[in-house]
């Protein structure tokens, strides 16, 4: 099953809308960033590691980060799909990329 940013945002808006606040969600995001840092330190050998699957652990922590990022956008009614496309378009122009995300997605549909 594939998910879209819009679907995740709608789901998290329903889940958090009306009671969650951006400061609380941001603090959870910061916690998750720390957990990603811990996994990356283990992978680089800067921190001891047990026999856990660090690839799986990294994926889980990145998913947690994405969850809180999209949740913050959702409760603030920010259209992340639109913002990501506009931000990428501007970055592509600024850094002279050959293709931007919108064009890439259109080409994949063909």
Protein backbone atom coordinates (compact mmCIF):
# COMPACT_ATOMS: atom_id res chain seq x y z
CA UNK A 1 0.00 0.00 0.00
CA UNK A 2 1.30 3.44 -0.91
CA UNK A 3 0.52 6.59 1.01
CA UNK A 4 0.52 10.18 -0.15
CA UNK A 5 1.45 13.31 1.75
CA UNK A 6 -2.17 14.44 1.42
CA UNK A 7 -3.52 11.22 2.93
CA UNK A 8 -1.03 11.28 5.81
CA UNK A 9 -1.79 14.92 6.45
CA UNK A 10 -5.56 14.28 6.50
CA UNK A 11 -5.10 11.32 8.84
CA UNK A 12 -2.90 13.29 11.24
CA UNK A 13 -5.24 16.28 11.10
CA UNK A 14 -8.07 13.99 12.24
CA UNK A 15 -5.83 12.40 14.86
CA UNK A 16 -4.40 15.59 16.37
CA UNK A 17 -6.84 18.31 15.28
CA UNK A 18 -8.49 20.20 18.08
CA UNK A 19 -6.30 19.10 20.95
CA UNK A 20 -2.61 18.89 19.96
CA UNK A 21 -0.38 21.92 19.91
CA UNK A 22 2.59 22.63 17.71
CA UNK A 23 4.99 23.04 20.63
CA UNK A 24 4.21 19.56 21.97
CA UNK A 25 4.50 18.00 18.53
CA UNK A 26 7.75 19.85 17.91
CA UNK A 27 9.22 18.55 21.16
CA UNK A 28 8.33 15.01 20.04
CA UNK A 29 10.04 15.73 16.71
CA UNK A 30 13.19 16.85 18.52
CA UNK A 31 13.16 13.60 20.54
CA UNK A 32 12.93 11.63 17.31
CA UNK A 33 15.79 13.61 15.75
CA UNK A 34 17.89 12.58 18.76
CA UNK A 35 16.93 8.96 18.21
CA UNK A 36 17.97 9.18 14.54
CA UNK A 37 21.30 10.68 15.67
CA UNK A 38 21.78 7.78 18.07
CA UNK A 39 21.20 5.20 15.32
CA UNK A 40 23.56 7.03 12.96
CA UNK A 41 26.22 7.13 15.69
CA UNK A 42 25.83 3.37 16.18
CA UNK A 43 26.14 2.79 12.44
CA UNK A 44 29.30 4.91 12.31
CA UNK A 45 30.82 3.06 15.27
CA UNK A 46 30.83 6.14 17.51
CA UNK A 47 28.42 4.45 19.91
CA UNK A 48 28.23 0.83 20.97
CA UNK A 49 25.43 -1.22 19.52
CA UNK A 50 23.75 -4.50 20.36
CA UNK A 51 22.76 -6.92 17.66
CA UNK A 52 19.65 -4.94 16.64
CA UNK A 53 18.88 -4.26 12.99
CA UNK A 54 20.13 -0.70 12.64
CA UNK A 55 18.68 -0.34 9.15
CA UNK A 56 15.21 -1.18 10.45
CA UNK A 57 15.72 1.03 13.50
CA UNK A 58 16.77 3.96 11.28
CA UNK A 59 13.70 3.52 9.12
CA UNK A 60 11.44 3.47 12.16
CA UNK A 61 12.95 6.63 13.61
CA UNK A 62 12.78 8.44 10.25
CA UNK A 63 9.10 7.45 10.02
CA UNK A 64 8.57 8.95 13.46
CA UNK A 65 10.20 12.19 12.32
CA UNK A 66 8.02 12.32 9.23
CA UNK A 67 4.95 11.69 11.38
CA UNK A 68 5.61 14.71 13.59
CA UNK A 69 6.68 16.98 10.72
CA UNK A 70 3.46 16.28 8.83
CA UNK A 71 1.41 16.51 12.04
CA UNK A 72 2.73 20.02 12.71
CA UNK A 73 1.80 21.01 9.17
CA UNK A 74 -1.61 19.36 9.48
CA UNK A 75 -2.70 21.16 12.64
CA UNK A 76 -1.54 24.44 11.06
CA UNK A 77 -3.44 23.68 7.83
CA UNK A 78 -0.27 23.91 5.73
CA UNK A 79 -0.55 22.06 2.41
CA UNK A 80 2.75 20.16 2.47
CA UNK A 81 2.25 18.82 -1.05
CA UNK A 82 2.06 22.34 -2.44
CA UNK A 83 4.88 23.65 -0.23
CA UNK A 84 7.25 20.80 -1.13
CA UNK A 85 6.65 21.29 -4.86
CA UNK A 86 7.11 25.08 -4.66
CA UNK A 87 10.20 24.81 -2.45
CA UNK A 88 11.78 22.23 -4.77
CA UNK A 89 10.97 24.35 -7.83
CA UNK A 90 12.71 27.36 -6.25
CA UNK A 91 15.73 25.27 -5.19
CA UNK A 92 15.99 23.74 -8.66
CA UNK A 93 16.15 27.20 -10.20
CA UNK A 94 18.58 28.52 -7.60
CA UNK A 95 20.98 25.58 -7.91
CA UNK A 96 20.48 25.07 -11.67
CA UNK A 97 19.18 21.49 -11.42
CA UNK A 98 18.28 19.89 -14.71
CA UNK A 99 14.89 18.74 -13.41
CA UNK A 100 12.60 19.61 -10.54
CA UNK A 101 10.33 17.33 -8.52
CA UNK A 102 7.17 18.33 -10.36
CA UNK A 103 8.70 17.54 -13.76
CA UNK A 104 10.12 14.29 -12.40
CA UNK A 105 6.70 13.22 -11.17
CA UNK A 106 5.05 14.16 -14.47
CA UNK A 107 7.66 12.15 -16.39
CA UNK A 108 7.05 9.09 -14.16
CA UNK A 109 3.34 9.18 -15.02
CA UNK A 110 4.05 8.70 -18.72
